[in-house]
All heavy atoms as atom14 arrays in JSON, in Angstrom:
{
  "sequence": "STPTSEQYNCTHIADRGKAYGMEAHIVEGNNVLEVYSKVNKIAKSVRK",
  "atom14_mask": [
    [1, 1, 1, 1, 1, 1, 0, 0, 0, 0, 0, 0, 0, 0],
    [1, 1, 1, 1, 1, 1, 1, 0, 0, 0, 0, 0, 0, 0],
    [1, 1, 1, 1, 1, 1, 1, 0, 0, 0, 0, 0, 0, 0],
    [1, 1, 1, 1, 1, 1, 1, 0, 0, 0, 0, 0, 0, 0],
    [1, 1, 1, 1, 1, 1, 0, 0, 0, 0, 0, 0, 0, 0],
    [1, 1, 1, 1, 1, 1, 1, 1, 1, 0, 0, 0, 0, 0],
    [1, 1, 1, 1, 1, 1, 1, 1, 1, 0, 0, 0, 0, 0],
    [1, 1, 1, 1, 1, 1, 1, 1, 1, 1, 1, 1, 0, 0],
    [1, 1, 1, 1, 1, 1, 1, 1, 0, 0, 0, 0, 0, 0],
    [1, 1, 1, 1, 1, 1, 0, 0, 0, 0, 0, 0, 0, 0],
    [1, 1, 1, 1, 1, 1, 1, 0, 0, 0, 0, 0, 0, 0],
    [1, 1, 1, 1, 1, 1, 1, 1, 1, 1, 0, 0, 0, 0],
    [1, 1, 1, 1, 1, 1, 1, 1, 0, 0, 0, 0, 0, 0],
    [1, 1, 1, 1, 1, 0, 0, 0, 0, 0, 0, 0, 0, 0],
    [1, 1, 1, 1, 1, 1, 1, 1, 0, 0, 0, 0, 0, 0],
    [1, 1, 1, 1, 1, 1, 1, 1, 1, 1, 1, 0, 0, 0],
    [1, 1, 1, 1, 0, 0, 0, 0, 0, 0, 0, 0, 0, 0],
    [1, 1, 1, 1, 1, 1, 1, 1, 1, 0, 0, 0, 0, 0],
    [1, 1, 1, 1, 1, 0, 0, 0, 0, 0, 0, 0, 0, 0],
    [1, 1, 1, 1, 1, 1, 1, 1, 1, 1, 1, 1, 0, 0],
    [1, 1, 1, 1, 0, 0, 0, 0, 0, 0, 0, 0, 0, 0],
    [1, 1, 1, 1, 1, 1, 1, 1, 0, 0, 0, 0, 0, 0],
    [1, 1, 1, 1, 1, 1, 1, 1, 1, 0, 0, 0, 0, 0],
    [1, 1, 1, 1, 1, 0, 0, 0, 0, 0, 0, 0, 0, 0],
    [1, 1, 1, 1, 1, 1, 1, 1, 1, 1, 0, 0, 0, 0],
    [1, 1, 1, 1, 1, 1, 1, 1, 0, 0, 0, 0, 0, 0],
    [1, 1, 1, 1, 1, 1, 1, 0, 0, 0, 0, 0, 0, 0],
    [1, 1, 1, 1, 1, 1, 1, 1, 1, 0, 0, 0, 0, 0],
    [1, 1, 1, 1, 0, 0, 0, 0, 0, 0, 0, 0, 0, 0],
    [1, 1, 1, 1, 1, 1, 1, 1, 0, 0, 0, 0, 0, 0],
    [1, 1, 1, 1, 1, 1, 1, 1, 0, 0, 0, 0, 0, 0],
    [1, 1, 1, 1, 1, 1, 1, 0, 0, 0, 0, 0, 0, 0],
    [1, 1, 1, 1, 1, 1, 1, 1, 0, 0, 0, 0, 0, 0],
    [1, 1, 1, 1, 1, 1, 1, 1, 1, 0, 0, 0, 0, 0],
    [1, 1, 1, 1, 1, 1, 1, 0, 0, 0, 0, 0, 0, 0],
    [1, 1, 1, 1, 1, 1, 1, 1, 1, 1, 1, 1, 0, 0],
    [1, 1, 1, 1, 1, 1, 0, 0, 0, 0, 0, 0, 0, 0],
    [1, 1, 1, 1, 1, 1, 1, 1, 1, 0, 0, 0, 0, 0],
    [1, 1, 1, 1, 1, 1, 1, 0, 0, 0, 0, 0, 0, 0],
    [1, 1, 1, 1, 1, 1, 1, 1, 0, 0, 0, 0, 0, 0],
    [1, 1, 1, 1, 1, 1, 1, 1, 1, 0, 0, 0, 0, 0],
    [1, 1, 1, 1, 1, 1, 1, 1, 0, 0, 0, 0, 0, 0],
    [1, 1, 1, 1, 1, 0, 0, 0, 0, 0, 0, 0, 0, 0],
    [1, 1, 1, 1, 1, 1, 1, 1, 1, 0, 0, 0, 0, 0],
    [1, 1, 1, 1, 1, 1, 0, 0, 0, 0, 0, 0, 0, 0],
    [1, 1, 1, 1, 1, 1, 1, 0, 0, 0, 0, 0, 0, 0],
    [1, 1, 1, 1, 1, 1, 1, 1, 1, 1, 1, 0, 0, 0],
    [1, 1, 1, 1, 1, 1, 1, 1, 1, 0, 0, 0, 0, 0]
  ],
  "atom14_positions": [
    [[161.05, 77.35, 210.95], [160.45, 77.11, 212.29], [161.24, 76.11, 213.12], [160.89, 75.84, 214.27], [159.0, 76.62, 212.14], [159.0, 75.3, 211.6], [0.0, 0.0, 0.0], [0.0, 0.0, 0.0], [0.0, 0.0, 0.0], [0.0, 0.0, 0.0], [0.0, 0.0, 0.0], [0.0, 0.0, 0.0], [0.0, 0.0, 0.0], [0.0, 0.0, 0.0]],
    [[162.29, 75.54, 212.54], [163.04, 74.5, 213.23], [164.11, 75.12, 214.13], [165.03, 75.78, 213.65], [163.7, 73.54, 212.24], [162.68, 73.03, 211.36], [164.38, 72.39, 212.95], [0.0, 0.0, 0.0], [0.0, 0.0, 0.0], [0.0, 0.0, 0.0], [0.0, 0.0, 0.0], [0.0, 0.0, 0.0], [0.0, 0.0, 0.0], [0.0, 0.0, 0.0]],
    [[164.05, 74.9, 215.44], [165.03, 75.51, 216.34], [166.39, 74.86, 216.19], [166.54, 73.76, 215.66], [164.45, 75.24, 217.72], [163.6, 74.03, 217.56], [163.05, 74.11, 216.17], [0.0, 0.0, 0.0], [0.0, 0.0, 0.0], [0.0, 0.0, 0.0], [0.0, 0.0, 0.0], [0.0, 0.0, 0.0], [0.0, 0.0, 0.0], [0.0, 0.0, 0.0]],
    [[167.42, 75.57, 216.66], [168.79, 75.08, 216.51], [168.98, 73.73, 217.2], [169.82, 72.93, 216.76], [169.8, 76.1, 217.09], [169.44, 76.38, 218.46], [169.79, 77.39, 216.31], [0.0, 0.0, 0.0], [0.0, 0.0, 0.0], [0.0, 0.0, 0.0], [0.0, 0.0, 0.0], [0.0, 0.0, 0.0], [0.0, 0.0, 0.0], [0.0, 0.0, 0.0]],
    [[168.23, 73.46, 218.25], [168.37, 72.18, 218.96], [168.04, 71.0, 218.06], [168.43, 69.86, 218.36], [167.49, 72.16, 220.2], [166.11, 72.3, 219.84], [0.0, 0.0, 0.0], [0.0, 0.0, 0.0], [0.0, 0.0, 0.0], [0.0, 0.0, 0.0], [0.0, 0.0, 0.0], [0.0, 0.0, 0.0], [0.0, 0.0, 0.0], [0.0, 0.0, 0.0]],
    [[167.28, 71.23, 217.0], [166.94, 70.18, 216.06], [167.74, 70.26, 214.76], [167.49, 69.53, 213.81], [165.44, 70.23, 215.76], [164.56, 69.98, 216.98], [163.08, 70.13, 216.67], [162.69, 69.95, 215.48], [162.3, 70.41, 217.61], [0.0, 0.0, 0.0], [0.0, 0.0, 0.0], [0.0, 0.0, 0.0], [0.0, 0.0, 0.0], [0.0, 0.0, 0.0]],
    [[168.71, 71.18, 214.71], [169.52, 71.33, 213.53], [170.93, 70.81, 213.7], [171.53, 70.31, 212.75], [169.59, 72.83, 213.14], [168.27, 73.41, 212.7], [168.45, 74.84, 212.2], [169.21, 75.07, 211.31], [167.74, 75.77, 212.82], [0.0, 0.0, 0.0], [0.0, 0.0, 0.0], [0.0, 0.0, 0.0], [0.0, 0.0, 0.0], [0.0, 0.0, 0.0]],
    [[171.5, 70.99, 214.88], [172.85, 70.5, 215.12], [173.01, 70.21, 216.59], [172.25, 70.69, 217.44], [173.91, 71.51, 214.65], [173.76, 72.9, 215.23], [174.32, 73.23, 216.47], [173.08, 73.9, 214.54], [174.17, 74.5, 217.0], [172.93, 75.18, 215.06], [173.5, 75.46, 216.28], [173.37, 76.72, 216.83], [0.0, 0.0, 0.0], [0.0, 0.0, 0.0]],
    [[174.05, 69.45, 216.94], [174.17, 68.95, 218.31], [175.46, 69.4, 218.99], [175.94, 68.76, 219.91], [174.07, 67.43, 218.32], [173.63, 66.91, 219.67], [172.96, 67.61, 220.42], [174.03, 65.68, 220.0], [0.0, 0.0, 0.0], [0.0, 0.0, 0.0], [0.0, 0.0, 0.0], [0.0, 0.0, 0.0], [0.0, 0.0, 0.0], [0.0, 0.0, 0.0]],
    [[176.06, 70.49, 218.47], [177.23, 71.05, 219.16], [176.75, 72.33, 219.88], [175.68, 72.86, 219.58], [178.37, 71.33, 218.21], [177.92, 72.33, 216.77], [0.0, 0.0, 0.0], [0.0, 0.0, 0.0], [0.0, 0.0, 0.0], [0.0, 0.0, 0.0], [0.0, 0.0, 0.0], [0.0, 0.0, 0.0], [0.0, 0.0, 0.0], [0.0, 0.0, 0.0]],
    [[177.53, 72.82, 220.8], [177.11, 73.99, 221.57], [177.09, 75.23, 220.71], [176.12, 76.01, 220.72], [178.09, 74.22, 222.75], [178.12, 73.03, 223.54], [177.59, 75.36, 223.63], [0.0, 0.0, 0.0], [0.0, 0.0, 0.0], [0.0, 0.0, 0.0], [0.0, 0.0, 0.0], [0.0, 0.0, 0.0], [0.0, 0.0, 0.0], [0.0, 0.0, 0.0]],
    [[178.14, 75.43, 219.93], [178.25, 76.61, 219.06], [178.68, 76.13, 217.67], [179.45, 75.19, 217.52], [179.31, 77.59, 219.59], [179.08, 78.02, 221.01], [178.06, 78.85, 221.39], [179.79, 77.69, 222.14], [178.12, 79.05, 222.7], [179.14, 78.36, 223.18], [0.0, 0.0, 0.0], [0.0, 0.0, 0.0], [0.0, 0.0, 0.0], [0.0, 0.0, 0.0]],
    [[178.18, 76.83, 216.65], [178.64, 76.53, 215.28], [180.14, 76.8, 215.16], [180.85, 76.12, 214.43], [177.83, 77.38, 214.27], [176.4, 76.84, 214.2], [178.48, 77.33, 212.88], [175.45, 77.68, 213.39], [0.0, 0.0, 0.0], [0.0, 0.0, 0.0], [0.0, 0.0, 0.0], [0.0, 0.0, 0.0], [0.0, 0.0, 0.0], [0.0, 0.0, 0.0]],
    [[180.61, 77.8, 215.9], [182.05, 78.12, 215.87], [182.9, 76.94, 216.3], [184.07, 76.81, 215.91], [182.33, 79.33, 216.76], [0.0, 0.0, 0.0], [0.0, 0.0, 0.0], [0.0, 0.0, 0.0], [0.0, 0.0, 0.0], [0.0, 0.0, 0.0], [0.0, 0.0, 0.0], [0.0, 0.0, 0.0], [0.0, 0.0, 0.0], [0.0, 0.0, 0.0]],
    [[182.33, 76.01, 217.09], [183.08, 74.85, 217.52], [183.53, 73.99, 216.34], [184.53, 73.27, 216.44], [182.23, 73.95, 218.45], [181.89, 74.66, 219.77], [182.58, 75.64, 220.13], [180.93, 74.22, 220.45], [0.0, 0.0, 0.0], [0.0, 0.0, 0.0], [0.0, 0.0, 0.0], [0.0, 0.0, 0.0], [0.0, 0.0, 0.0], [0.0, 0.0, 0.0]],
    [[182.81, 74.09, 215.23], [183.16, 73.29, 214.07], [184.5, 73.73, 213.45], [185.12, 72.96, 212.71], [182.05, 73.36, 213.02], [180.71, 72.89, 213.51], [179.69, 72.93, 212.4], [178.35, 72.71, 212.89], [177.25, 72.71, 212.12], [177.38, 72.92, 210.83], [176.05, 72.51, 212.64], [0.0, 0.0, 0.0], [0.0, 0.0, 0.0], [0.0, 0.0, 0.0]],
    [[184.89, 74.95, 213.73], [186.16, 75.44, 213.18], [187.33, 74.52, 213.51], [188.25, 74.32, 212.7], [0.0, 0.0, 0.0], [0.0, 0.0, 0.0], [0.0, 0.0, 0.0], [0.0, 0.0, 0.0], [0.0, 0.0, 0.0], [0.0, 0.0, 0.0], [0.0, 0.0, 0.0], [0.0, 0.0, 0.0], [0.0, 0.0, 0.0], [0.0, 0.0, 0.0]],
    [[187.3, 73.96, 214.73], [188.41, 73.1, 215.19], [188.55, 71.9, 214.26], [189.68, 71.44, 214.0], [188.14, 72.64, 216.61], [188.09, 73.76, 217.64], [187.68, 73.22, 219.02], [187.52, 74.36, 220.01], [187.05, 73.86, 221.34], [0.0, 0.0, 0.0], [0.0, 0.0, 0.0], [0.0, 0.0, 0.0], [0.0, 0.0, 0.0], [0.0, 0.0, 0.0]],
    [[187.43, 71.37, 213.82], [187.49, 70.18, 212.96], [188.16, 70.46, 211.62], [188.68, 69.53, 210.98], [186.07, 69.65, 212.73], [0.0, 0.0, 0.0], [0.0, 0.0, 0.0], [0.0, 0.0, 0.0], [0.0, 0.0, 0.0], [0.0, 0.0, 0.0], [0.0, 0.0, 0.0], [0.0, 0.0, 0.0], [0.0, 0.0, 0.0], [0.0, 0.0, 0.0]],
    [[188.12, 71.71, 211.19], [188.74, 72.07, 209.91], [190.11, 72.71, 210.09], [190.69, 73.17, 209.12], [187.81, 73.04, 209.16], [186.48, 72.41, 208.84], [185.34, 72.78, 209.56], [186.34, 71.48, 207.83], [184.1, 72.21, 209.29], [185.11, 70.9, 207.56], [183.99, 71.27, 208.31], [182.79, 70.68, 208.04], [0.0, 0.0, 0.0], [0.0, 0.0, 0.0]],
    [[190.61, 72.73, 211.33], [191.88, 73.4, 211.58], [191.76, 74.87, 211.29], [192.7, 75.51, 210.8], [0.0, 0.0, 0.0], [0.0, 0.0, 0.0], [0.0, 0.0, 0.0], [0.0, 0.0, 0.0], [0.0, 0.0, 0.0], [0.0, 0.0, 0.0], [0.0, 0.0, 0.0], [0.0, 0.0, 0.0], [0.0, 0.0, 0.0], [0.0, 0.0, 0.0]],
    [[190.61, 75.44, 211.59], [190.29, 76.8, 211.2], [190.04, 77.69, 212.41], [189.37, 77.29, 213.37], [189.03, 76.78, 210.29], [188.63, 78.12, 209.72], [187.1, 77.99, 208.72], [187.61, 76.85, 207.44], [0.0, 0.0, 0.0], [0.0, 0.0, 0.0], [0.0, 0.0, 0.0], [0.0, 0.0, 0.0], [0.0, 0.0, 0.0], [0.0, 0.0, 0.0]],
    [[190.55, 78.87, 212.36], [190.3, 79.86, 213.39], [188.8, 80.17, 213.42], [188.15, 80.29, 212.38], [191.1, 81.12, 213.04], [190.93, 82.3, 213.97], [191.71, 83.5, 213.49], [192.74, 83.33, 212.79], [191.28, 84.63, 213.81], [0.0, 0.0, 0.0], [0.0, 0.0, 0.0], [0.0, 0.0, 0.0], [0.0, 0.0, 0.0], [0.0, 0.0, 0.0]],
    [[188.25, 80.3, 214.62], [186.8, 80.57, 214.75], [186.56, 81.56, 215.89], [187.28, 81.55, 216.89], [186.04, 79.27, 214.98], [0.0, 0.0, 0.0], [0.0, 0.0, 0.0], [0.0, 0.0, 0.0], [0.0, 0.0, 0.0], [0.0, 0.0, 0.0], [0.0, 0.0, 0.0], [0.0, 0.0, 0.0], [0.0, 0.0, 0.0], [0.0, 0.0, 0.0]],
    [[185.51, 82.35, 215.73], [185.16, 83.36, 216.73], [183.66, 83.37, 216.93], [182.89, 83.06, 216.01], [185.6, 84.76, 216.27], [187.06, 84.89, 216.04], [187.93, 85.32, 216.99], [187.81, 84.64, 214.92], [189.16, 85.34, 216.5], [189.11, 84.93, 215.24], [0.0, 0.0, 0.0], [0.0, 0.0, 0.0], [0.0, 0.0, 0.0], [0.0, 0.0, 0.0]],
    [[183.23, 83.78, 218.14], [181.83, 84.04, 218.44], [181.69, 85.53, 218.72], [182.45, 86.09, 219.51], [181.34, 83.23, 219.65], [181.42, 81.72, 219.34], [179.94, 83.61, 220.02], [181.1, 80.83, 220.51], [0.0, 0.0, 0.0], [0.0, 0.0, 0.0], [0.0, 0.0, 0.0], [0.0, 0.0, 0.0], [0.0, 0.0, 0.0], [0.0, 0.0, 0.0]],
    [[180.74, 86.18, 218.04], [180.56, 87.62, 218.15], [179.12, 87.92, 218.53], [178.19, 87.28, 218.02], [180.91, 88.31, 216.82], [180.63, 89.81, 216.91], [182.39, 88.08, 216.47], [0.0, 0.0, 0.0], [0.0, 0.0, 0.0], [0.0, 0.0, 0.0], [0.0, 0.0, 0.0], [0.0, 0.0, 0.0], [0.0, 0.0, 0.0], [0.0, 0.0, 0.0]],
    [[178.92, 88.88, 219.44], [177.58, 89.36, 219.77], [177.03, 90.11, 218.57], [177.4, 91.26, 218.29], [177.65, 90.27, 221.0], [176.38, 91.0, 221.34], [175.17, 90.06, 221.43], [175.16, 89.13, 222.26], [174.23, 90.27, 220.62], [0.0, 0.0, 0.0], [0.0, 0.0, 0.0], [0.0, 0.0, 0.0], [0.0, 0.0, 0.0], [0.0, 0.0, 0.0]],
    [[176.12, 89.45, 217.87], [175.66, 89.97, 216.59], [174.72, 91.14, 216.67], [174.4, 91.74, 215.62], [0.0, 0.0, 0.0], [0.0, 0.0, 0.0], [0.0, 0.0, 0.0], [0.0, 0.0, 0.0], [0.0, 0.0, 0.0], [0.0, 0.0, 0.0], [0.0, 0.0, 0.0], [0.0, 0.0, 0.0], [0.0, 0.0, 0.0], [0.0, 0.0, 0.0]],
    [[174.24, 91.52, 217.86], [173.31, 92.65, 217.96], [174.02, 93.92, 218.41], [173.36, 94.94, 218.65], [172.18, 92.3, 218.93], [171.13, 91.44, 218.27], [171.47, 90.58, 217.46], [169.87, 91.64, 218.61], [0.0, 0.0, 0.0], [0.0, 0.0, 0.0], [0.0, 0.0, 0.0], [0.0, 0.0, 0.0], [0.0, 0.0, 0.0], [0.0, 0.0, 0.0]],
    [[175.34, 93.87, 218.52], [176.11, 95.04, 218.91], [176.96, 95.46, 217.72], [177.97, 94.84, 217.42], [177.0, 94.72, 220.12], [177.75, 95.94, 220.64], [178.07, 96.85, 219.88], [178.04, 95.94, 221.93], [0.0, 0.0, 0.0], [0.0, 0.0, 0.0], [0.0, 0.0, 0.0], [0.0, 0.0, 0.0], [0.0, 0.0, 0.0], [0.0, 0.0, 0.0]],
    [[176.55, 96.53, 217.03], [177.22, 96.89, 215.8], [178.67, 97.29, 216.02], [179.53, 97.06, 215.17], [176.44, 98.02, 215.07], [176.52, 99.36, 215.83], [176.94, 98.19, 213.64], [0.0, 0.0, 0.0], [0.0, 0.0, 0.0], [0.0, 0.0, 0.0], [0.0, 0.0, 0.0], [0.0, 0.0, 0.0], [0.0, 0.0, 0.0], [0.0, 0.0, 0.0]],
    [[178.99, 97.85, 217.16], [180.37, 98.23, 217.45], [181.23, 97.0, 217.64], [182.38, 96.95, 217.17], [180.43, 99.12, 218.71], [179.79, 100.49, 218.59], [179.91, 101.25, 219.89], [180.42, 101.29, 217.45], [0.0, 0.0, 0.0], [0.0, 0.0, 0.0], [0.0, 0.0, 0.0], [0.0, 0.0, 0.0], [0.0, 0.0, 0.0], [0.0, 0.0, 0.0]],
    [[180.7, 95.99, 218.32], [181.46, 94.75, 218.49], [181.61, 94.05, 217.15], [182.7, 93.53, 216.84], [180.77, 93.83, 219.49], [181.55, 92.52, 219.72], [180.95, 91.65, 220.8], [180.17, 92.16, 221.63], [181.25, 90.44, 220.81], [0.0, 0.0, 0.0], [0.0, 0.0, 0.0], [0.0, 0.0, 0.0], [0.0, 0.0, 0.0], [0.0, 0.0, 0.0]],
    [[180.56, 93.99, 216.36], [180.65, 93.36, 215.06], [181.72, 94.04, 214.22], [182.63, 93.39, 213.69], [179.28, 93.41, 214.31], [179.46, 92.94, 212.86], [178.25, 92.57, 215.02], [0.0, 0.0, 0.0], [0.0, 0.0, 0.0], [0.0, 0.0, 0.0], [0.0, 0.0, 0.0], [0.0, 0.0, 0.0], [0.0, 0.0, 0.0], [0.0, 0.0, 0.0]],
    [[181.64, 95.37, 214.13], [182.6, 96.07, 213.28], [184.02, 95.95, 213.78], [184.94, 95.64, 213.03], [182.23, 97.57, 213.17], [183.33, 98.37, 212.52], [183.52, 98.3, 211.14], [184.19, 99.16, 213.27], [184.54, 99.0, 210.53], [185.22, 99.88, 212.68], [185.4, 99.76, 211.29], [186.43, 100.44, 210.72], [0.0, 0.0, 0.0], [0.0, 0.0, 0.0]],
    [[184.23, 96.18, 215.07], [185.59, 96.19, 215.6], [186.24, 94.81, 215.51], [187.41, 94.68, 215.1], [185.61, 96.68, 217.05], [184.83, 95.83, 217.87], [0.0, 0.0, 0.0], [0.0, 0.0, 0.0], [0.0, 0.0, 0.0], [0.0, 0.0, 0.0], [0.0, 0.0, 0.0], [0.0, 0.0, 0.0], [0.0, 0.0, 0.0], [0.0, 0.0, 0.0]],
    [[185.51, 93.75, 215.83], [186.09, 92.41, 215.77], [186.32, 91.97, 214.33], [187.37, 91.39, 214.03], [185.19, 91.44, 216.52], [185.25, 91.64, 218.04], [184.61, 90.46, 218.8], [184.81, 90.66, 220.3], [184.25, 89.54, 221.1], [0.0, 0.0, 0.0], [0.0, 0.0, 0.0], [0.0, 0.0, 0.0], [0.0, 0.0, 0.0], [0.0, 0.0, 0.0]],
    [[185.35, 92.2, 213.46], [185.53, 91.8, 212.06], [186.63, 92.64, 211.41], [187.42, 92.12, 210.62], [184.21, 91.91, 211.28], [184.44, 91.62, 209.78], [183.17, 90.95, 211.84], [0.0, 0.0, 0.0], [0.0, 0.0, 0.0], [0.0, 0.0, 0.0], [0.0, 0.0, 0.0], [0.0, 0.0, 0.0], [0.0, 0.0, 0.0], [0.0, 0.0, 0.0]],
    [[186.7, 93.91, 211.73], [187.75, 94.77, 211.18], [189.13, 94.25, 211.58], [190.06, 94.2, 210.75], [187.54, 96.19, 211.64], [188.5, 97.17, 210.96], [188.66, 97.12, 209.75], [189.09, 98.06, 211.73], [0.0, 0.0, 0.0], [0.0, 0.0, 0.0], [0.0, 0.0, 0.0], [0.0, 0.0, 0.0], [0.0, 0.0, 0.0], [0.0, 0.0, 0.0]],
    [[189.27, 93.87, 212.85], [190.53, 93.34, 213.31], [190.9, 92.03, 212.61], [192.05, 91.83, 212.18], [190.47, 93.12, 214.83], [191.78, 92.62, 215.43], [191.63, 92.43, 216.94], [192.94, 91.91, 217.57], [192.77, 91.73, 219.04], [0.0, 0.0, 0.0], [0.0, 0.0, 0.0], [0.0, 0.0, 0.0], [0.0, 0.0, 0.0], [0.0, 0.0, 0.0]],
    [[189.92, 91.14, 212.48], [190.14, 89.88, 211.79], [190.49, 90.12, 210.33], [191.42, 89.5, 209.79], [188.89, 88.98, 211.91], [188.66, 88.56, 213.37], [189.02, 87.75, 211.01], [187.28, 87.95, 213.61], [0.0, 0.0, 0.0], [0.0, 0.0, 0.0], [0.0, 0.0, 0.0], [0.0, 0.0, 0.0], [0.0, 0.0, 0.0], [0.0, 0.0, 0.0]],
    [[189.75, 91.04, 209.68], [189.97, 91.31, 208.26], [191.37, 91.84, 208.0], [192.05, 91.42, 207.04], [188.93, 92.31, 207.75], [0.0, 0.0, 0.0], [0.0, 0.0, 0.0], [0.0, 0.0, 0.0], [0.0, 0.0, 0.0], [0.0, 0.0, 0.0], [0.0, 0.0, 0.0], [0.0, 0.0, 0.0], [0.0, 0.0, 0.0], [0.0, 0.0, 0.0]],
    [[191.85, 92.75, 208.84], [193.2, 93.27, 208.67], [194.24, 92.17, 208.8], [195.21, 92.12, 208.03], [193.46, 94.37, 209.71], [192.73, 95.67, 209.44], [193.03, 96.71, 210.52], [192.34, 98.02, 210.24], [192.6, 99.04, 211.29], [0.0, 0.0, 0.0], [0.0, 0.0, 0.0], [0.0, 0.0, 0.0], [0.0, 0.0, 0.0], [0.0, 0.0, 0.0]],
    [[194.02, 91.26, 209.74], [194.94, 90.15, 209.93], [194.91, 89.2, 208.74], [195.96, 88.72, 208.29], [194.57, 89.41, 211.22], [195.35, 88.25, 211.4], [0.0, 0.0, 0.0], [0.0, 0.0, 0.0], [0.0, 0.0, 0.0], [0.0, 0.0, 0.0], [0.0, 0.0, 0.0], [0.0, 0.0, 0.0], [0.0, 0.0, 0.0], [0.0, 0.0, 0.0]],
    [[193.71, 88.92, 208.21], [193.6, 87.97, 207.1], [194.23, 88.55, 205.82], [194.83, 87.82, 205.03], [192.12, 87.61, 206.84], [191.94, 86.86, 205.54], [191.57, 86.78, 208.01], [0.0, 0.0, 0.0], [0.0, 0.0, 0.0], [0.0, 0.0, 0.0], [0.0, 0.0, 0.0], [0.0, 0.0, 0.0], [0.0, 0.0, 0.0], [0.0, 0.0, 0.0]],
    [[194.14, 89.87, 205.66], [194.79, 90.47, 204.48], [196.32, 90.31, 204.55], [196.97, 90.14, 203.52], [194.43, 91.95, 204.38], [192.96, 92.2, 204.05], [192.64, 93.66, 203.85], [191.2, 93.88, 203.82], [190.52, 94.45, 204.8], [191.15, 94.94, 205.87], [189.21, 94.58, 204.72], [0.0, 0.0, 0.0], [0.0, 0.0, 0.0], [0.0, 0.0, 0.0]],
    [[196.86, 90.34, 205.73], [198.31, 90.16, 205.89], [198.7, 88.69, 205.9], [199.76, 88.33, 205.4], [198.77, 90.82, 207.22], [198.67, 92.35, 207.19], [199.14, 92.9, 208.54], [199.03, 94.44, 208.58], [199.45, 94.99, 209.88], [0.0, 0.0, 0.0], [0.0, 0.0, 0.0], [0.0, 0.0, 0.0], [0.0, 0.0, 0.0], [0.0, 0.0, 0.0]]
  ]
}
């Protein structure tokens, strides 16, 4: 029941990637085509 405003104080969780020197993305999670296409592209890149 705890909203995100009481869980963390950054705008996006993806913002934390910068602190780890890590690539980060924000994806519209309710669009299956966007989820698949973006993750598929990232996955192919990570395998290489």
